[in-house]
Protein backbone atom coordinates (compact mmCIF):
# COMPACT_ATOMS: atom_id res chain seq x y z
CA MET A 1 -30.69 10.23 -73.44
CA SER A 2 -27.96 8.03 -74.96
CA ASP A 3 -28.61 6.27 -78.28
CA MET A 4 -27.68 3.06 -76.46
CA ASP A 5 -30.35 3.40 -73.79
CA PRO A 6 -33.45 1.21 -74.18
CA ILE A 7 -36.57 3.00 -75.38
CA VAL A 8 -39.52 3.21 -73.03
CA THR A 9 -42.74 4.03 -74.85
CA GLY A 10 -46.46 4.27 -74.21
CA GLN A 11 -48.61 1.20 -73.79
CA ASP A 12 -50.08 1.69 -77.25
CA ALA A 13 -46.72 1.08 -78.95
CA PRO A 14 -46.72 -1.91 -81.33
CA HIS A 15 -44.31 -4.79 -80.94
CA ALA A 16 -43.99 -6.36 -84.36
CA ALA A 17 -43.14 -9.98 -85.01
CA PRO A 18 -40.16 -10.00 -87.40
CA SER A 19 -41.34 -13.05 -89.33
CA MET A 20 -44.43 -11.39 -90.84
CA GLY A 21 -44.65 -9.08 -93.84
CA MET A 22 -45.54 -5.43 -93.20
CA VAL A 23 -45.78 -4.03 -96.74
CA ARG A 24 -46.67 -5.75 -99.98
CA LEU A 25 -46.53 -3.88 -103.27
CA ALA A 26 -47.92 -5.64 -106.33
CA GLY A 27 -47.73 -4.32 -109.88
CA ILE A 28 -47.08 -0.73 -108.84
CA ALA A 29 -46.75 1.60 -111.84
CA LYS A 30 -46.63 5.40 -111.91
CA THR A 31 -46.27 7.67 -114.92
CA PHE A 32 -45.77 11.43 -114.86
CA HIS A 33 -46.68 13.73 -117.72
CA GLY A 34 -44.34 16.64 -118.35
CA LYS A 35 -45.26 20.08 -119.65
CA ASP A 36 -43.43 19.26 -122.87
CA GLY A 37 -45.87 16.42 -123.53
CA ARG A 38 -43.42 13.66 -122.69
CA THR A 39 -44.32 10.89 -120.25
CA VAL A 40 -41.88 9.47 -117.73
CA ALA A 41 -42.41 6.07 -116.13
CA ALA A 42 -41.28 6.68 -112.54
CA LEU A 43 -42.31 3.15 -111.49
CA ALA A 44 -42.72 0.29 -113.93
CA GLY A 45 -44.39 -2.73 -112.35
CA ILE A 46 -42.88 -2.92 -108.86
CA ASP A 47 -43.48 -6.12 -106.87
CA LEU A 48 -41.98 -5.94 -103.39
CA ASP A 49 -42.47 -7.43 -99.93
CA ILE A 50 -41.11 -5.52 -96.92
CA PRO A 51 -40.53 -7.78 -93.88
CA GLN A 52 -42.01 -6.72 -90.58
CA GLY A 53 -39.70 -5.54 -87.83
CA GLY A 54 -36.69 -4.87 -90.06
CA ILE A 55 -35.04 -1.93 -91.81
CA THR A 56 -35.25 -2.02 -95.59
CA ALA A 57 -33.31 0.50 -97.67
CA ILE A 58 -34.28 1.58 -101.18
CA VAL A 59 -31.23 2.81 -103.08
CA GLY A 60 -30.60 3.94 -106.61
CA PRO A 61 -29.37 6.80 -108.80
CA SER A 62 -31.25 10.08 -109.20
CA GLY A 63 -34.44 9.53 -111.16
CA ALA A 64 -34.59 5.83 -110.30
CA GLY A 65 -38.03 6.19 -108.69
CA LYS A 66 -37.04 5.97 -105.03
CA SER A 67 -39.19 8.84 -103.78
CA SER A 68 -42.14 7.78 -105.92
CA LEU A 69 -41.93 4.29 -104.48
CA LEU A 70 -41.76 5.51 -100.89
CA ARG A 71 -44.66 7.92 -101.37
CA ALA A 72 -46.72 5.17 -102.99
CA VAL A 73 -46.61 3.20 -99.74
CA ASN A 74 -48.82 5.74 -97.94
CA LEU A 75 -50.49 6.86 -101.18
CA LEU A 76 -49.13 10.39 -101.00
CA GLU A 77 -48.58 9.57 -104.66
CA ARG A 78 -51.31 7.20 -105.75
CA PRO A 79 -50.01 4.69 -108.30
CA ASP A 80 -51.67 4.39 -111.68
CA THR A 81 -51.96 0.62 -111.25
CA GLY A 82 -51.23 -1.96 -108.59
CA THR A 83 -52.08 -2.60 -104.96
CA VAL A 84 -50.48 -1.36 -101.75
CA ILE A 85 -51.04 -3.52 -98.68
CA VAL A 86 -49.78 -2.26 -95.31
CA GLY A 87 -50.33 -4.24 -92.14
CA GLY A 88 -52.76 -6.51 -93.98
CA ARG A 89 -54.94 -3.64 -95.30
CA ASP A 90 -55.25 -2.84 -99.00
CA LEU A 91 -54.81 0.94 -98.92
CA THR A 92 -55.64 1.29 -102.60
CA ALA A 93 -59.16 -0.01 -101.92
CA LEU A 94 -59.96 2.45 -99.10
CA ASP A 95 -62.09 5.57 -99.32
CA GLU A 96 -60.51 8.88 -98.28
CA GLU A 97 -61.69 8.79 -94.66
CA SER A 98 -60.57 5.19 -94.17
CA LEU A 99 -57.24 6.02 -95.81
CA ARG A 100 -56.76 8.99 -93.51
CA GLN A 101 -57.24 6.73 -90.50
CA ALA A 102 -54.95 4.06 -91.96
CA ARG A 103 -52.19 6.62 -92.45
CA GLN A 104 -52.03 7.09 -88.69
CA SER A 105 -50.22 3.75 -88.58
CA ILE A 106 -47.56 5.08 -90.98
CA GLY A 107 -45.06 7.68 -89.77
CA MET A 108 -42.90 9.67 -92.16
CA ILE A 109 -39.59 11.51 -91.75
CA PHE A 110 -38.68 14.09 -94.40
CA GLN A 111 -35.35 15.17 -95.84
CA HIS A 112 -35.90 18.86 -95.03
CA PHE A 113 -37.70 18.26 -91.72
CA ASN A 114 -40.99 20.02 -92.68
CA LEU A 115 -41.39 21.59 -89.24
CA LEU A 116 -43.82 24.45 -88.61
CA ALA A 117 -41.77 27.55 -87.85
CA ASN A 118 -44.51 29.12 -85.70
CA ARG A 119 -44.81 26.09 -83.40
CA THR A 120 -42.44 25.11 -80.63
CA VAL A 121 -40.72 21.74 -80.57
CA SER A 122 -43.51 20.40 -78.35
CA GLY A 123 -46.12 21.96 -80.61
CA ASN A 124 -44.66 20.30 -83.71
CA VAL A 125 -44.67 16.89 -82.06
CA ALA A 126 -48.20 17.41 -80.74
CA LEU A 127 -49.63 18.40 -84.10
CA SER A 128 -50.14 14.89 -85.46
CA LEU A 129 -51.87 13.87 -82.24
CA GLU A 130 -54.16 16.89 -82.39
CA LEU A 131 -55.07 16.05 -85.98
CA ALA A 132 -55.71 12.46 -84.95
CA GLY A 133 -58.16 13.63 -82.28
CA TRP A 134 -56.19 12.64 -79.19
CA PRO A 135 -57.57 14.22 -75.98
CA ALA A 136 -55.40 17.00 -74.58
CA ALA A 137 -54.83 15.06 -71.35
CA ARG A 138 -53.00 12.35 -73.30
CA ILE A 139 -51.08 14.59 -75.69
CA ALA A 140 -48.83 16.37 -73.16
CA PRO A 141 -47.40 13.23 -71.52
CA ARG A 142 -46.95 11.56 -74.91
CA VAL A 143 -45.03 14.55 -76.24
CA ALA A 144 -42.83 14.62 -73.12
CA GLU A 145 -42.14 10.91 -73.52
CA LEU A 146 -41.14 11.32 -77.16
CA LEU A 147 -38.88 14.31 -76.52
CA ASP A 148 -37.09 12.27 -73.88
CA LEU A 149 -36.78 9.42 -76.39
CA VAL A 150 -35.03 11.61 -78.97
CA GLY A 151 -32.98 13.56 -76.42
CA LEU A 152 -34.70 16.93 -76.75
CA THR A 153 -36.45 17.42 -73.41
CA ASP A 154 -34.52 20.65 -72.85
CA LYS A 155 -35.64 22.01 -76.25
CA ALA A 156 -39.40 21.59 -75.71
CA THR A 157 -40.22 25.31 -75.68
CA GLN A 158 -37.81 26.37 -78.41
CA TYR A 159 -38.74 27.07 -82.02
CA PRO A 160 -37.21 25.29 -85.06
CA ALA A 161 -35.11 28.33 -86.00
CA ALA A 162 -33.06 27.81 -82.83
CA LEU A 163 -32.26 24.16 -83.60
CA SER A 164 -29.44 22.49 -85.47
CA GLY A 165 -30.17 20.24 -88.43
CA GLY A 166 -29.78 17.12 -86.33
CA GLN A 167 -32.10 18.48 -83.66
CA LYS A 168 -34.71 19.36 -86.27
CA GLN A 169 -34.58 15.81 -87.59
CA ARG A 170 -35.00 14.45 -84.08
CA VAL A 171 -38.15 16.56 -83.78
CA GLY A 172 -39.28 15.07 -87.08
CA ILE A 173 -38.66 11.56 -85.74
CA ALA A 174 -40.58 12.29 -82.54
CA ARG A 175 -43.47 13.71 -84.56
CA ALA A 176 -43.53 10.65 -86.83
CA LEU A 177 -43.60 8.31 -83.82
CA ALA A 178 -46.27 10.25 -81.90
CA PRO A 179 -49.35 8.20 -82.90
CA ASN A 180 -47.51 4.87 -82.41
CA PRO A 181 -47.17 3.86 -86.07
CA GLN A 182 -46.42 0.35 -87.24
CA LEU A 183 -44.33 1.58 -90.17
CA LEU A 184 -41.79 4.40 -90.40
CA LEU A 185 -40.95 5.88 -93.81
CA CYS A 186 -37.69 7.84 -94.11
CA ASP A 187 -37.32 10.09 -97.17
CA GLU A 188 -33.56 10.79 -97.44
CA ALA A 189 -33.67 11.51 -93.72
CA THR A 190 -29.93 12.15 -93.36
CA SER A 191 -28.88 13.64 -96.70
CA ALA A 192 -29.08 17.22 -95.36
CA LEU A 193 -26.90 16.41 -92.34
CA ASP A 194 -23.16 16.31 -91.71
CA PRO A 195 -21.48 12.88 -91.30
CA GLU A 196 -21.35 12.92 -87.48
CA THR A 197 -24.99 13.97 -87.17
CA THR A 198 -25.94 11.38 -89.79
CA ARG A 199 -24.38 8.62 -87.69
CA SER A 200 -26.28 9.85 -84.64
CA ILE A 201 -29.62 9.89 -86.47
CA LEU A 202 -29.00 6.45 -87.98
CA ALA A 203 -28.16 5.08 -84.53
CA LEU A 204 -31.45 6.51 -83.23
CA ILE A 205 -33.41 4.94 -86.11
CA ARG A 206 -31.74 1.59 -85.49
CA ARG A 207 -32.49 1.81 -81.77
CA ILE A 208 -36.14 2.65 -82.45
CA ASN A 209 -36.34 -0.32 -84.81
CA ARG A 210 -34.69 -2.64 -82.33
CA ASP A 211 -36.54 -1.60 -79.19
CA LEU A 212 -39.99 -1.09 -80.69
CA GLY A 213 -39.90 -3.72 -83.40
CA LEU A 214 -40.93 -0.88 -85.71
CA THR A 215 -40.66 -1.61 -89.44
CA VAL A 216 -38.55 1.00 -91.22
CA LEU A 217 -38.46 1.71 -94.94
CA LEU A 218 -35.91 4.30 -95.98
CA ILE A 219 -34.66 5.69 -99.25
CA THR A 220 -31.12 6.91 -99.78
CA HIS A 221 -28.55 7.43 -102.50
CA GLU A 222 -25.70 6.58 -100.12
CA MET A 223 -24.50 3.00 -99.71
CA ALA A 224 -22.84 4.08 -96.45
CA VAL A 225 -26.32 4.58 -94.97
CA VAL A 226 -27.37 1.14 -96.23
CA ARG A 227 -24.27 -0.47 -94.75
CA GLU A 228 -24.69 1.22 -91.39
CA VAL A 229 -28.37 0.71 -90.65
CA ALA A 230 -30.26 -1.59 -93.05
CA ASP A 231 -31.06 -5.29 -92.92
CA GLN A 232 -32.39 -5.55 -96.47
CA VAL A 233 -31.60 -3.47 -99.56
CA VAL A 234 -33.54 -2.92 -102.77
CA VAL A 235 -31.73 -1.37 -105.74
CA LEU A 236 -33.84 0.62 -108.20
CA GLU A 237 -32.99 1.80 -111.70
CA ALA A 238 -35.36 3.45 -114.17
CA GLY A 239 -38.39 2.56 -112.06
CA ARG A 240 -37.57 -1.14 -111.78
CA ILE A 241 -36.03 -3.35 -109.11
CA ILE A 242 -32.72 -4.62 -110.45
CA GLU A 243 -31.41 -6.29 -107.28
CA GLN A 244 -32.53 -6.99 -103.73
CA GLY A 245 -31.65 -9.10 -100.72
CA PRO A 246 -29.96 -9.04 -97.31
CA VAL A 247 -27.41 -6.24 -97.11
CA ALA A 248 -24.48 -8.60 -96.46
CA GLN A 249 -25.41 -10.67 -99.51
CA VAL A 250 -25.77 -7.69 -101.85
CA PHE A 251 -22.53 -6.08 -100.63
CA ALA A 252 -20.53 -9.28 -100.87
CA HIS A 253 -22.09 -10.60 -104.08
CA PRO A 254 -23.46 -7.70 -106.18
CA ARG A 255 -24.96 -9.02 -109.39
CA HIS A 256 -26.07 -5.98 -111.36
CA PRO A 257 -23.56 -3.46 -112.85
CA THR A 258 -25.44 -0.54 -111.27
CA THR A 259 -25.11 -2.12 -107.82
CA ARG A 260 -21.41 -2.68 -108.40
CA ARG A 261 -20.94 0.96 -109.38
CA PHE A 262 -22.74 2.10 -106.23
CA LEU A 263 -20.50 -0.07 -104.11
CA LEU A 264 -17.18 1.08 -105.57
CA GLY A 265 -17.04 4.30 -103.59
CA GLU A 266 -18.39 2.80 -100.39
CA THR A 267 -16.05 -0.20 -100.42
CA GLY A 268 -13.03 1.77 -101.62
CA THR A 269 -12.47 -0.69 -104.46
CA GLU A 270 -12.47 1.65 -107.43
CA LEU A 271 -9.37 0.97 -109.52
CA PRO A 272 -6.90 3.88 -109.40
CA PRO A 273 -6.85 5.76 -112.74
CA HIS A 274 -3.13 5.15 -113.38
CA LEU A 275 -3.76 1.40 -113.25
CA ALA A 276 -7.06 1.47 -115.12
CA ALA A 277 -5.31 3.20 -118.03
CA ARG A 278 -2.66 0.44 -118.29
CA LEU A 279 -4.94 -2.56 -117.77
CA SER A 280 -4.54 -5.49 -120.18
CA PRO A 281 -7.12 -8.28 -120.57
CA THR A 282 -4.37 -10.89 -121.06
CA PRO A 283 -1.47 -11.87 -118.81
CA PHE A 284 2.12 -11.12 -119.78
CA ALA A 285 5.61 -11.82 -118.45
CA GLY A 286 6.48 -9.72 -115.43
CA GLY A 287 2.88 -8.67 -114.94
CA ALA A 288 0.48 -8.79 -112.00
CA MET A 289 -3.15 -9.89 -111.96
CA LEU A 290 -5.49 -7.29 -110.48
CA VAL A 291 -8.49 -8.66 -108.61
CA ARG A 292 -11.37 -7.07 -106.72
CA LEU A 293 -12.44 -9.05 -103.65
CA HIS A 294 -15.49 -8.76 -101.38
CA ALA A 295 -15.91 -10.88 -98.26
CA VAL A 296 -18.13 -10.79 -95.17
CA GLY A 297 -17.71 -12.29 -91.72
CA ALA A 298 -14.81 -14.44 -90.54
CA LEU A 299 -13.19 -14.50 -93.99
CA ALA A 300 -13.17 -10.69 -94.09
CA ALA A 301 -11.46 -10.58 -90.69
CA SER A 302 -8.74 -13.07 -91.70
CA PRO A 303 -5.34 -12.03 -93.09
CA LEU A 304 -6.47 -12.69 -96.67
CA LEU A 305 -3.50 -11.27 -98.54
CA SER A 306 -0.71 -12.41 -96.23
CA ASP A 307 -2.12 -15.95 -96.30
CA LEU A 308 -1.51 -16.07 -100.04
CA GLY A 309 2.22 -15.82 -99.40
CA ALA A 310 2.11 -19.27 -97.81
CA VAL A 311 1.28 -20.77 -101.22
CA GLY A 312 3.89 -18.80 -103.14
CA ILE A 313 1.71 -15.91 -104.32
CA GLY A 314 2.76 -12.31 -103.94
CA ALA A 315 -0.13 -10.05 -102.94
CA ARG A 316 -0.07 -6.27 -102.73
CA LEU A 317 -3.01 -4.17 -101.57
CA VAL A 318 -3.88 -1.55 -104.17
CA ALA A 319 -7.12 -0.14 -102.73
CA GLY A 320 -9.92 -0.94 -100.29
CA ARG A 321 -10.55 -1.40 -96.60
CA VAL A 322 -12.21 -3.56 -93.94
CA GLN A 323 -15.19 -1.93 -92.24
CA PRO A 324 -18.23 -2.98 -90.21
CA LEU A 325 -21.34 -4.21 -92.00
CA GLY A 326 -24.02 -4.49 -89.33
CA ASP A 327 -22.47 -6.68 -86.64
CA GLN A 328 -19.81 -8.31 -88.82
CA PRO A 329 -16.71 -7.20 -90.75
CA PHE A 330 -16.83 -6.54 -94.49
CA ALA A 331 -13.73 -6.47 -96.69
CA GLY A 332 -13.60 -4.73 -100.05
CA LEU A 333 -10.11 -4.98 -101.55
CA VAL A 334 -8.27 -4.53 -104.83
CA ALA A 335 -5.06 -6.55 -104.88
CA ALA A 336 -2.22 -7.17 -107.32
CA LEU A 337 -1.25 -10.85 -107.39
CA THR A 338 2.03 -12.20 -108.73
CA GLY A 339 3.26 -15.75 -109.17
CA GLU A 340 2.43 -18.79 -111.24
CA THR A 341 -0.88 -18.36 -113.05
CA ALA A 342 -2.06 -21.83 -112.07
CA ALA A 343 -1.33 -21.14 -108.39
CA ILE A 344 -3.16 -17.80 -108.50
CA GLU A 345 -6.21 -19.35 -110.16
CA ALA A 346 -6.25 -22.17 -107.61
CA ALA A 347 -6.09 -19.67 -104.74
CA ILE A 348 -8.93 -17.65 -106.25
CA GLN A 349 -11.09 -20.74 -106.53
CA GLN A 350 -10.37 -21.63 -102.92
CA LEU A 351 -11.33 -18.15 -101.73
CA ARG A 352 -14.54 -18.32 -103.76
CA ALA A 353 -15.32 -21.68 -102.20
CA HIS A 354 -15.10 -19.98 -98.78
CA GLY A 355 -17.62 -17.30 -99.83
CA ALA A 356 -15.48 -14.53 -101.31
CA GLU A 357 -16.65 -12.66 -104.39
CA ILE A 358 -13.64 -12.19 -106.68
CA GLU A 359 -13.58 -10.31 -109.97
CA VAL A 360 -10.49 -10.49 -112.18
CA LEU A 361 -9.99 -6.94 -113.45
CA GLY A 362 -7.04 -7.61 -115.76
CA HIS A 363 -3.26 -7.47 -115.79
CA VAL A 364 -0.70 -4.67 -115.39
CA ALA A 365 3.06 -4.39 -115.18
CA THR A 366 4.40 -4.76 -111.66
CA ASP A 367 6.23 -1.44 -111.94
CA ALA A 368 2.87 0.27 -112.46
CA VAL A 369 1.63 -1.24 -109.20
CA ALA A 370 4.77 -0.16 -107.37
CA ALA A 371 4.38 3.36 -108.76
CA GLY A 372 0.95 3.63 -107.15
């Protein structure tokens, strides 16, 4: 089955309205106690609303609390304080049996697949349905439907050892979708995969989200994953939310230094070392102003640098690229600008007025730019 084909699912599949909230976290805190007696605050008062029917990515450096946050949503790690509401139900107030039933509406995909080696592909997908008490007459057709959905019909009788990493993750996706969940949690679902397989799995997740209206919450340390698949992004650091919003907004207008650092590699706008070493905070004769520019949409698709020549400003691309961000172009560029200072500043203000995010990095000699 192609990743572009529409998904056909069982009659029990939910069709979420995108305007409603699916997950609400309020005051979530989690502390771990190490063997050395030290305590580590993995989560420190998280308040977060996850919109229904969208894909929300949680991103942050190692140790930021991403996995703890994701596992708090289905109470695999119960928070010390706070409430977790999923689909209108307060999971933190449920007894164990009620929580077990509520978890059937939450599917989870794991980084390392977590497949049972002694069960076939079909058997792995069927397991969650067996545990949920589905009658055998319903399990077989549901498993067949899901294997067709993820493109593994011909692998039904094989065992995990015979599968590639991408195929194993597709089994994991089918297993997570088996009981028709409302919410899909993805725990670094592509970090163990090569780039081509990652793109294929992300396309499948996006298609599932689009065709089923399934809410997806994923964690990742890669901004490329965020750019490719997410609608909303939440940036964590030291157990706290430091930035959040629509992906296009956060990419084009990052506010927190940690977010900016994450974006440098993905946008290609890290200043080359030979220029960073010669950067001056003040302008000088014969120098060039280095700027970092982010833009989304029509502005990103326009000839930004060549247009500056029309107003007497020289512009040379130093680093960066234009790439897709969802269904629109995104430009991340570092440019060296030469000309009258007043004209450059006026052009920068005009670009900002049209929605560009521009950071003045400093000034370097033009021969340093040419040497790059």
